[in-house]
Amino acid sequence: MRSMNKFVLVAAVLLLVAGKAAAGSFSDLLDVKKPNLHVGPLELHPYYTLAEAYESNIYLVPRDQANGVHVGGGVLGSWITKNTLGLDAVLPVGRQHRFEGGYEFEAQNYTTQSSANDNIQQKVRLSYDYTGARGLSGKVSDRYINTTDPAFSELITRSHRWQNQAAVSAAYAPEGNRFNAGVDYADTVHKYLDPALAAILNRSEQSVGVKGGYKVLPKTNVFAAYHRGITHYSVVRAAGSPDKNSKSHSFDFGVEGDILPNLTGIVKTGLHTRHFDEAGANGQTKTQNWTYGAQLLYQPTARTAVDLSFDRALQESISGNSRFYISNEAFLTVRHQLPYKLTAAVDLGIAFNKYPEAQTTGGFTANRRDDLYMQGVSLKYDIREWLSTTLGYNHRERNSIFTGQYNYEDHVTSLALAVKL
């Protein structure tokens, strides 16, 4: 398997530079400059990544007990070979029109219980952007994902699903005017192929909203937004379980653009109200929650970048009678360019997921809460502008303040070689 992957990688590199280094040595190959792939105004950006990783807990289950008891497939590690091949395309048409598209194919192969874990994932994206006169702009986009969720054991294999989101938006921000406004609509469909999961997870989510802003500075905009949401499940839940269909109202207020010197992004806070079609186990049909979110980029120097994101939001749930849970997440990435074409990165993440309704498992009744932690480090070496290699390590851990069956700890060490034109 590994010999085949090495052959595929070498073949891909040779094909990308065919005609320029076909008869040269490997050192000649590395001297090849990044090709300029154009077909008229059409830009093409193919890429390929070969990654080899070892994951210590592929089923994400708690530690095996000394008495022989284990959850799901038990703690099993595996070497994972990942081949990713993709193509991005950009087509500008004059100054007002821009088309973009992309396709990605990824194959993952496991050395442990491969029949349950080997999988193929695909992504497709298409978009059209319009930039008109007098500050009028618009966008139409579609994103499709065909993927799988991790297996729980060799017998309970990966869950195949697909997701598609179609969206359209329009904005009006005339030059020289501090006021701006916009509208947007999105329709997202989730579909699982397994009938048991389809009955509780297949759904469509629709959102329509308006946004108004005022530029307090040339590149700093304060805004207020309202969105109306509708979630409709394809199959009504079994008798005794409440219907999960709902309608919601979201109000957000925030600031975006240049927030402080060297700090750009968006920060917002708001109120989310959700009305369910039926009362839940606690007799309630309405929930109201404070939400917030941010995506920030801080660049103190030309060589250092800090990405920070955090949010508080409602997520769909299938745990017990809880139709949703409240997630509180924060992620931090620090990247620094070192000498000798090296880039070091540190990733940190934390999340607290709280479920609103009590559930009973193994005779124990409580409101479930999951605490998740993530740490990672990586070192990237740019061999050439179009060729790089990355060594990385990630650690993930979940502690459930409810029952130990949801706990897990996972270590992933990886080495990747990437070609991007």
Protein backbone atom coordinates (compact mmCIF):
# COMPACT_ATOMS: atom_id res chain seq x y z
CA MET A 1 0.00 0.00 0.00
CA ARG A 2 2.71 2.49 0.96
CA SER A 3 4.77 1.67 -2.12
CA MET A 4 1.71 2.34 -4.26
CA ASN A 5 1.11 5.69 -2.53
CA LYS A 6 4.70 6.76 -3.14
CA PHE A 7 4.32 5.81 -6.78
CA VAL A 8 1.10 7.84 -7.05
CA LEU A 9 2.78 10.88 -5.52
CA VAL A 10 5.79 10.75 -7.82
CA ALA A 11 3.53 10.20 -10.82
CA ALA A 12 1.38 13.19 -9.88
CA VAL A 13 4.39 15.48 -9.52
CA LEU A 14 5.85 14.34 -12.82
CA LEU A 15 2.56 14.90 -14.63
CA LEU A 16 2.25 18.40 -13.24
CA VAL A 17 5.64 19.43 -14.59
CA ALA A 18 5.68 17.32 -17.73
CA GLY A 19 7.43 19.03 -20.60
CA LYS A 20 9.69 21.05 -18.30
CA ALA A 21 11.56 18.39 -16.39
CA ALA A 22 10.58 15.10 -17.96
CA ALA A 23 14.17 14.23 -18.75
CA GLY A 24 15.79 15.84 -15.70
CA SER A 25 16.95 14.55 -12.36
CA PHE A 26 15.06 14.99 -9.08
CA SER A 27 17.09 18.14 -8.36
CA ASP A 28 15.96 19.48 -11.74
CA LEU A 29 12.39 18.69 -10.75
CA LEU A 30 12.71 20.79 -7.60
CA ASP A 31 14.05 23.70 -9.65
CA VAL A 32 10.83 23.89 -11.66
CA LYS A 33 8.89 27.07 -10.95
CA LYS A 34 5.22 27.08 -10.11
CA PRO A 35 3.32 26.71 -13.42
CA ASN A 36 0.92 29.44 -14.49
CA LEU A 37 -2.13 27.40 -15.45
CA HIS A 38 -4.51 29.52 -17.54
CA VAL A 39 -6.94 28.77 -20.33
CA GLY A 40 -7.70 32.26 -21.55
CA PRO A 41 -9.12 34.11 -18.50
CA LEU A 42 -9.77 30.80 -16.68
CA GLU A 43 -7.40 30.10 -13.78
CA LEU A 44 -6.81 26.47 -12.75
CA HIS A 45 -5.30 25.46 -9.41
CA PRO A 46 -4.89 21.68 -9.00
CA TYR A 47 -3.58 20.24 -5.75
CA TYR A 48 -2.66 16.87 -4.29
CA THR A 49 -1.78 15.78 -0.75
CA LEU A 50 -0.45 12.46 0.49
CA ALA A 51 -0.66 12.09 4.28
CA GLU A 52 0.35 9.20 6.50
CA ALA A 53 -0.96 9.28 10.07
CA TYR A 54 -1.24 7.09 13.13
CA GLU A 55 -4.41 7.53 15.24
CA SER A 56 -4.52 5.91 18.67
CA ASN A 57 -8.32 5.64 19.09
CA ILE A 58 -10.12 5.35 15.75
CA TYR A 59 -13.55 4.64 17.30
CA LEU A 60 -13.32 7.50 19.85
CA VAL A 61 -14.35 5.36 22.82
CA PRO A 62 -13.34 5.36 26.53
CA ARG A 63 -10.39 3.38 27.85
CA ASP A 64 -10.79 -0.40 27.98
CA GLN A 65 -11.44 -1.62 31.51
CA ALA A 66 -9.10 -4.02 33.31
CA ASN A 67 -11.98 -6.50 33.75
CA GLY A 68 -12.29 -6.84 29.97
CA VAL A 69 -15.27 -4.51 29.51
CA HIS A 70 -14.96 -2.09 26.61
CA VAL A 71 -17.31 0.24 24.73
CA GLY A 72 -18.06 -0.12 21.03
CA GLY A 73 -15.06 -1.48 19.18
CA GLY A 74 -12.73 -0.84 22.09
CA VAL A 75 -9.59 1.30 21.93
CA LEU A 76 -7.86 0.45 18.67
CA GLY A 77 -5.14 2.34 16.82
CA SER A 78 -4.49 2.38 13.10
CA TRP A 79 -2.20 3.74 10.42
CA ILE A 80 -4.23 5.89 8.04
CA THR A 81 -3.22 6.77 4.50
CA LYS A 82 -5.01 9.76 3.08
CA ASN A 83 -4.92 10.75 -0.60
CA THR A 84 -6.51 14.11 -1.45
CA LEU A 85 -6.85 15.34 -5.03
CA GLY A 86 -8.60 18.58 -5.94
CA LEU A 87 -9.04 21.37 -8.45
CA ASP A 88 -10.03 25.01 -7.88
CA ALA A 89 -11.06 27.21 -10.81
CA VAL A 90 -11.63 30.96 -11.13
CA LEU A 91 -13.20 32.69 -14.14
CA PRO A 92 -13.49 36.50 -14.07
CA VAL A 93 -15.74 38.00 -16.73
CA GLY A 94 -15.06 41.70 -16.96
CA ARG A 95 -15.07 43.76 -13.79
CA GLN A 96 -18.56 42.84 -12.65
CA HIS A 97 -18.76 39.05 -12.87
CA ARG A 98 -16.70 36.30 -11.27
CA PHE A 99 -17.31 32.55 -11.32
CA GLU A 100 -15.56 30.12 -8.99
CA GLY A 101 -15.70 26.37 -8.57
CA GLY A 102 -13.92 23.52 -6.92
CA TYR A 103 -13.90 19.75 -6.59
CA GLU A 104 -12.09 17.60 -4.02
CA PHE A 105 -11.75 13.83 -3.78
CA GLU A 106 -10.33 12.21 -0.67
CA ALA A 107 -9.70 8.53 0.05
CA GLN A 108 -8.79 7.25 3.51
CA ASN A 109 -7.39 3.74 4.00
CA TYR A 110 -6.98 2.10 7.43
CA THR A 111 -4.69 -0.78 8.35
CA THR A 112 -7.04 -1.75 11.22
CA GLN A 113 -10.47 -3.18 10.33
CA SER A 114 -10.35 -1.52 6.93
CA SER A 115 -13.73 -2.90 5.84
CA ALA A 116 -15.43 -0.75 8.49
CA ASN A 117 -13.25 2.32 8.23
CA ASP A 118 -12.02 2.82 4.66
CA ASN A 119 -13.97 5.67 3.11
CA ILE A 120 -14.22 8.14 0.26
CA GLN A 121 -15.29 11.77 0.64
CA GLN A 122 -16.12 14.32 -2.04
CA LYS A 123 -16.77 18.06 -2.04
CA VAL A 124 -18.11 20.34 -4.77
CA ARG A 125 -18.55 24.10 -4.64
CA LEU A 126 -19.82 26.62 -7.17
CA SER A 127 -20.35 30.37 -6.86
CA TYR A 128 -21.12 33.47 -8.88
CA ASP A 129 -20.27 36.97 -7.64
CA TYR A 130 -21.64 40.19 -9.07
CA THR A 131 -20.12 43.60 -8.33
CA GLY A 132 -22.19 46.36 -9.90
CA ALA A 133 -22.28 50.11 -9.99
CA ARG A 134 -23.32 52.32 -7.06
CA GLY A 135 -22.37 49.77 -4.43
CA LEU A 136 -24.71 46.98 -5.51
CA SER A 137 -23.37 43.42 -5.20
CA GLY A 138 -24.71 39.88 -5.04
CA LYS A 139 -23.69 36.23 -4.73
CA VAL A 140 -25.18 32.84 -5.59
CA SER A 141 -23.46 29.72 -4.28
CA ASP A 142 -23.88 26.00 -3.75
CA ARG A 143 -21.79 23.65 -1.60
CA TYR A 144 -22.15 19.86 -1.67
CA ILE A 145 -20.44 17.39 0.67
CA ASN A 146 -20.59 13.60 0.32
CA THR A 147 -18.91 12.17 3.40
CA THR A 148 -19.06 9.68 6.27
CA ASP A 149 -19.20 9.94 10.05
CA PRO A 150 -16.69 7.78 12.03
CA ALA A 151 -17.50 4.18 12.82
CA PHE A 152 -18.22 3.04 16.40
CA SER A 153 -16.96 -0.51 15.94
CA GLU A 154 -16.22 -3.04 13.21
CA LEU A 155 -19.91 -4.05 13.27
CA ILE A 156 -21.34 -0.52 13.46
CA THR A 157 -19.60 0.88 10.40
CA ARG A 158 -19.27 4.41 9.10
CA SER A 159 -22.46 6.38 8.43
CA HIS A 160 -22.65 7.62 4.87
CA ARG A 161 -24.33 11.00 4.46
CA TRP A 162 -24.47 14.03 2.20
CA GLN A 163 -25.17 17.68 2.76
CA ASN A 164 -26.02 20.46 0.31
CA GLN A 165 -26.31 24.18 0.97
CA ALA A 166 -27.68 26.62 -1.62
CA ALA A 167 -27.42 30.31 -0.78
CA VAL A 168 -28.10 33.70 -2.34
CA SER A 169 -27.34 37.17 -1.01
CA ALA A 170 -27.40 40.80 -2.12
CA ALA A 171 -25.87 43.93 -0.59
CA TYR A 172 -26.03 47.66 -1.11
CA ALA A 173 -23.03 49.70 0.10
CA PRO A 174 -22.64 52.86 -2.02
CA GLU A 175 -19.20 54.46 -1.99
CA GLY A 176 -19.05 57.58 0.11
CA ASN A 177 -22.17 56.62 2.08
CA ARG A 178 -21.80 55.32 5.62
CA PHE A 179 -25.04 53.31 5.53
CA ASN A 180 -25.22 49.80 3.99
CA ALA A 181 -27.79 47.01 3.85
CA GLY A 182 -28.14 43.40 2.72
CA VAL A 183 -30.44 40.39 2.44
CA ASP A 184 -29.60 36.67 2.38
CA TYR A 185 -31.26 33.26 2.05
CA ALA A 186 -29.88 29.75 2.59
CA ASP A 187 -31.36 26.26 2.29
CA THR A 188 -29.37 23.35 3.75
CA VAL A 189 -30.36 19.68 3.34
CA HIS A 190 -28.89 16.85 5.47
CA LYS A 191 -29.45 13.26 4.38
CA TYR A 192 -28.20 9.98 5.89
CA LEU A 193 -28.35 6.80 3.84
CA ASP A 194 -28.77 4.48 6.84
CA PRO A 195 -32.55 4.16 7.50
CA ALA A 196 -32.17 4.24 11.29
CA LEU A 197 -30.15 7.45 11.23
CA ALA A 198 -32.27 8.92 8.45
CA ALA A 199 -35.34 8.66 10.69
CA ILE A 200 -33.80 10.94 13.32
CA LEU A 201 -31.31 13.12 11.39
CA ASN A 202 -32.62 13.79 7.87
CA ARG A 203 -33.77 17.41 7.75
CA SER A 204 -33.83 20.69 5.86
CA GLU A 205 -32.83 24.02 7.38
CA GLN A 206 -33.91 27.32 5.86
CA SER A 207 -32.80 30.79 6.86
CA VAL A 208 -33.75 34.21 5.50
CA GLY A 209 -32.47 37.47 6.89
CA VAL A 210 -31.79 41.18 6.58
CA LYS A 211 -28.83 43.23 7.75
CA GLY A 212 -28.19 46.94 8.16
CA GLY A 213 -24.90 48.64 8.93
CA TYR A 214 -23.17 51.96 9.50
CA LYS A 215 -19.48 52.62 8.80
CA VAL A 216 -17.99 54.35 11.81
CA LEU A 217 -14.64 54.27 9.98
CA PRO A 218 -13.80 53.65 6.29
CA LYS A 219 -13.07 49.96 7.01
CA THR A 220 -15.09 49.45 10.20
CA ASN A 221 -18.80 48.62 10.08
CA VAL A 222 -21.24 48.23 12.97
CA PHE A 223 -24.37 46.25 12.12
CA ALA A 224 -27.64 44.75 13.25
CA ALA A 225 -29.21 41.66 11.64
CA TYR A 226 -32.37 39.58 11.90
CA HIS A 227 -32.85 36.02 10.61
CA ARG A 228 -35.91 33.80 10.47
CA GLY A 229 -35.16 30.08 10.53
CA ILE A 230 -37.19 26.94 9.83
CA THR A 231 -36.00 23.38 10.58
CA HIS A 232 -38.08 20.52 9.20
CA TYR A 233 -37.28 16.85 9.87
CA SER A 234 -38.17 14.36 7.16
CA VAL A 235 -39.51 11.68 9.53
CA VAL A 236 -41.62 12.33 12.63
CA ARG A 237 -40.05 10.80 15.74
CA ALA A 238 -41.43 7.64 17.30
CA ALA A 239 -44.36 7.65 19.72
CA GLY A 240 -43.39 9.13 23.06
CA SER A 241 -40.67 11.33 21.53
CA PRO A 242 -41.52 14.96 20.73
CA ASP A 243 -41.43 16.32 17.19
CA LYS A 244 -38.20 18.26 16.52
CA ASN A 245 -39.56 20.61 13.84
CA SER A 246 -39.07 24.23 14.83
CA LYS A 247 -39.10 27.89 13.80
CA SER A 248 -36.69 30.48 15.13
CA HIS A 249 -35.89 34.19 15.36
CA SER A 250 -32.30 35.45 15.67
CA PHE A 251 -31.20 39.02 16.43
CA ASP A 252 -27.51 39.90 16.15
CA PHE A 253 -25.49 43.06 16.78
CA GLY A 254 -21.80 43.48 16.10
CA VAL A 255 -18.82 45.07 14.42
CA GLU A 256 -16.81 43.87 11.40
CA GLY A 257 -13.77 44.90 9.38
CA ASP A 258 -10.80 46.65 10.99
CA ILE A 259 -11.62 46.44 14.69
CA LEU A 260 -8.27 47.51 16.17
CA PRO A 261 -4.78 48.09 14.74
CA ASN A 262 -3.59 44.80 13.16
CA LEU A 263 -6.89 43.15 14.18
CA THR A 264 -9.55 42.33 11.56
CA GLY A 265 -12.66 40.14 11.55
CA ILE A 266 -16.13 40.11 13.05
CA VAL A 267 -17.52 40.10 16.61
CA LYS A 268 -21.24 39.76 17.31
CA THR A 269 -23.74 38.93 20.02
CA GLY A 270 -27.48 38.38 20.00
CA LEU A 271 -30.59 36.53 21.07
CA HIS A 272 -31.92 33.29 19.57
CA THR A 273 -35.54 32.24 20.15
CA ARG A 274 -36.75 28.83 18.97
CA HIS A 275 -40.37 27.62 18.89
CA PHE A 276 -40.96 23.86 18.55
CA ASP A 277 -44.10 22.46 16.94
CA GLU A 278 -44.63 20.16 19.94
CA ALA A 279 -43.78 20.33 23.64
CA GLY A 280 -40.69 18.46 24.78
CA ALA A 281 -40.29 16.06 27.68
CA ASN A 282 -40.10 19.05 30.01
CA GLY A 283 -43.37 20.44 28.62
CA GLN A 284 -41.73 23.42 26.93
CA THR A 285 -42.29 24.52 23.33
CA LYS A 286 -40.01 27.57 23.44
CA THR A 287 -36.37 28.19 24.31
CA GLN A 288 -34.55 31.52 24.36
CA ASN A 289 -30.78 31.79 24.55
CA TRP A 290 -28.03 34.37 24.41
CA THR A 291 -25.60 33.78 21.54
CA TYR A 292 -22.27 35.26 20.48
CA GLY A 293 -19.55 34.65 17.94
CA ALA A 294 -16.27 35.96 16.57
CA GLN A 295 -13.72 35.27 13.85
CA LEU A 296 -10.60 37.37 14.32
CA LEU A 297 -7.16 37.64 12.70
CA TYR A 298 -4.39 39.43 14.57
CA GLN A 299 -1.08 40.08 12.79
CA PRO A 300 1.37 41.77 15.18
CA THR A 301 4.27 41.27 12.74
CA ALA A 302 4.73 40.27 9.12
CA ARG A 303 5.80 36.77 10.22
CA THR A 304 3.21 36.09 12.92
CA ALA A 305 -0.54 35.52 12.60
CA VAL A 306 -3.05 34.68 15.33
CA ASP A 307 -6.49 33.28 14.46
CA LEU A 308 -9.12 33.35 17.18
CA SER A 309 -12.72 32.16 16.90
CA PHE A 310 -15.39 31.54 19.52
CA ASP A 311 -19.16 31.15 19.59
CA ARG A 312 -22.18 30.17 21.62
CA ALA A 313 -24.97 28.57 19.59
CA LEU A 314 -27.72 25.94 19.50
CA GLN A 315 -26.95 22.62 17.79
CA GLU A 316 -29.26 19.76 16.81
CA SER A 317 -29.19 16.77 19.19
CA ILE A 318 -30.15 13.09 19.21
CA SER A 319 -29.08 12.47 22.81
CA GLY A 320 -32.00 11.34 24.95
CA ASN A 321 -35.00 13.69 24.86
CA SER A 322 -32.87 16.77 24.20
CA ARG A 323 -33.79 18.21 20.82
CA PHE A 324 -30.81 20.57 20.93
CA TYR A 325 -27.75 21.34 22.99
CA ILE A 326 -25.93 24.61 23.66
CA SER A 327 -22.34 24.63 22.45
CA ASN A 328 -19.69 27.02 23.77
CA GLU A 329 -16.51 26.80 21.66
CA ALA A 330 -13.20 28.65 21.37
CA PHE A 331 -10.29 27.94 19.01
CA LEU A 332 -6.87 29.59 18.80
CA THR A 333 -4.17 29.12 16.16
CA VAL A 334 -0.79 30.84 16.26
CA ARG A 335 1.44 30.65 13.17
CA HIS A 336 4.99 31.98 12.90
CA GLN A 337 7.35 31.94 9.94
CA LEU A 338 10.79 30.74 10.96
CA PRO A 339 14.02 30.95 8.96
CA TYR A 340 14.83 28.32 6.34
CA LYS A 341 11.29 28.27 4.88
CA LEU A 342 9.82 26.78 8.07
CA THR A 343 6.43 27.69 9.56
CA ALA A 344 5.48 26.57 13.06
CA ALA A 345 1.89 26.47 14.31
CA VAL A 346 0.16 25.81 17.62
CA ASP A 347 -3.58 24.96 17.84
CA LEU A 348 -5.71 25.08 20.98
CA GLY A 349 -9.42 24.40 21.32
CA ILE A 350 -12.02 24.00 24.03
CA ALA A 351 -15.77 23.33 23.97
CA PHE A 352 -18.55 22.86 26.52
CA ASN A 353 -21.75 21.23 25.28
CA LYS A 354 -24.77 21.40 27.61
CA TYR A 355 -28.00 19.46 27.11
CA PRO A 356 -31.23 21.04 28.45
CA GLU A 357 -33.21 17.91 29.39
CA ALA A 358 -32.33 15.10 31.78
CA GLN A 359 -31.78 11.60 30.45
CA THR A 360 -31.24 8.22 32.05
CA THR A 361 -28.42 5.83 31.19
CA GLY A 362 -27.45 2.79 33.28
CA GLY A 363 -29.80 3.86 36.07
CA PHE A 364 -28.21 7.30 36.33
CA THR A 365 -30.35 10.39 35.55
CA ALA A 366 -28.84 13.82 34.90
CA ASN A 367 -28.41 16.60 32.35
CA ARG A 368 -25.60 15.61 30.04
CA ARG A 369 -22.60 17.93 29.65
CA ASP A 370 -19.54 17.23 27.51
CA ASP A 371 -16.21 19.06 27.93
CA LEU A 372 -13.86 18.78 24.95
CA TYR A 373 -10.20 19.79 24.69
CA MET A 374 -7.85 19.92 21.70
CA GLN A 375 -4.15 20.72 21.37
CA GLY A 376 -1.94 20.48 18.33
CA VAL A 377 1.45 21.48 16.94
CA SER A 378 2.81 21.38 13.41
CA LEU A 379 5.93 22.28 11.47
CA LYS A 380 5.70 23.03 7.74
CA TYR A 381 8.64 23.18 5.35
CA ASP A 382 8.17 24.87 1.97
CA ILE A 383 10.44 22.86 -0.30
CA ARG A 384 9.33 25.00 -3.23
CA GLU A 385 6.54 27.49 -3.78
CA TRP A 386 4.33 24.64 -4.97
CA LEU A 387 5.69 21.78 -2.84
CA SER A 388 5.63 21.48 0.96
CA THR A 389 5.77 18.90 3.72
CA THR A 390 4.15 19.10 7.17
CA LEU A 391 4.76 17.16 10.38
CA GLY A 392 1.94 17.42 12.91
CA TYR A 393 0.59 16.12 16.21
CA ASN A 394 -2.95 16.53 17.64
CA HIS A 395 -4.50 15.46 20.91
CA ARG A 396 -8.26 15.35 21.54
CA GLU A 397 -10.12 14.50 24.74
CA ARG A 398 -13.78 14.46 25.80
CA ASN A 399 -14.97 14.24 29.40
CA SER A 400 -18.70 13.75 29.82
CA ILE A 401 -20.16 14.88 33.13
CA PHE A 402 -22.92 12.31 32.84
CA THR A 403 -21.58 8.86 32.01
CA GLY A 404 -18.13 7.57 31.18
CA GLN A 405 -19.31 5.87 27.99
CA TYR A 406 -18.99 9.19 26.13
CA ASN A 407 -15.40 9.85 27.26
CA TYR A 408 -12.45 9.36 24.94
CA GLU A 409 -8.85 10.37 24.37
CA ASP A 410 -7.21 10.38 20.95
CA HIS A 411 -3.69 11.08 19.65
CA VAL A 412 -2.90 11.65 15.96
CA THR A 413 0.61 11.98 14.53
CA SER A 414 0.88 12.76 10.82
CA LEU A 415 3.29 13.51 7.99
CA ALA A 416 2.01 15.05 4.76
CA LEU A 417 3.47 16.00 1.40
CA ALA A 418 1.44 18.55 -0.61
CA VAL A 419 1.55 19.83 -4.17
CA LYS A 420 -0.46 22.99 -4.87
CA LEU A 421 -0.33 24.93 -8.12
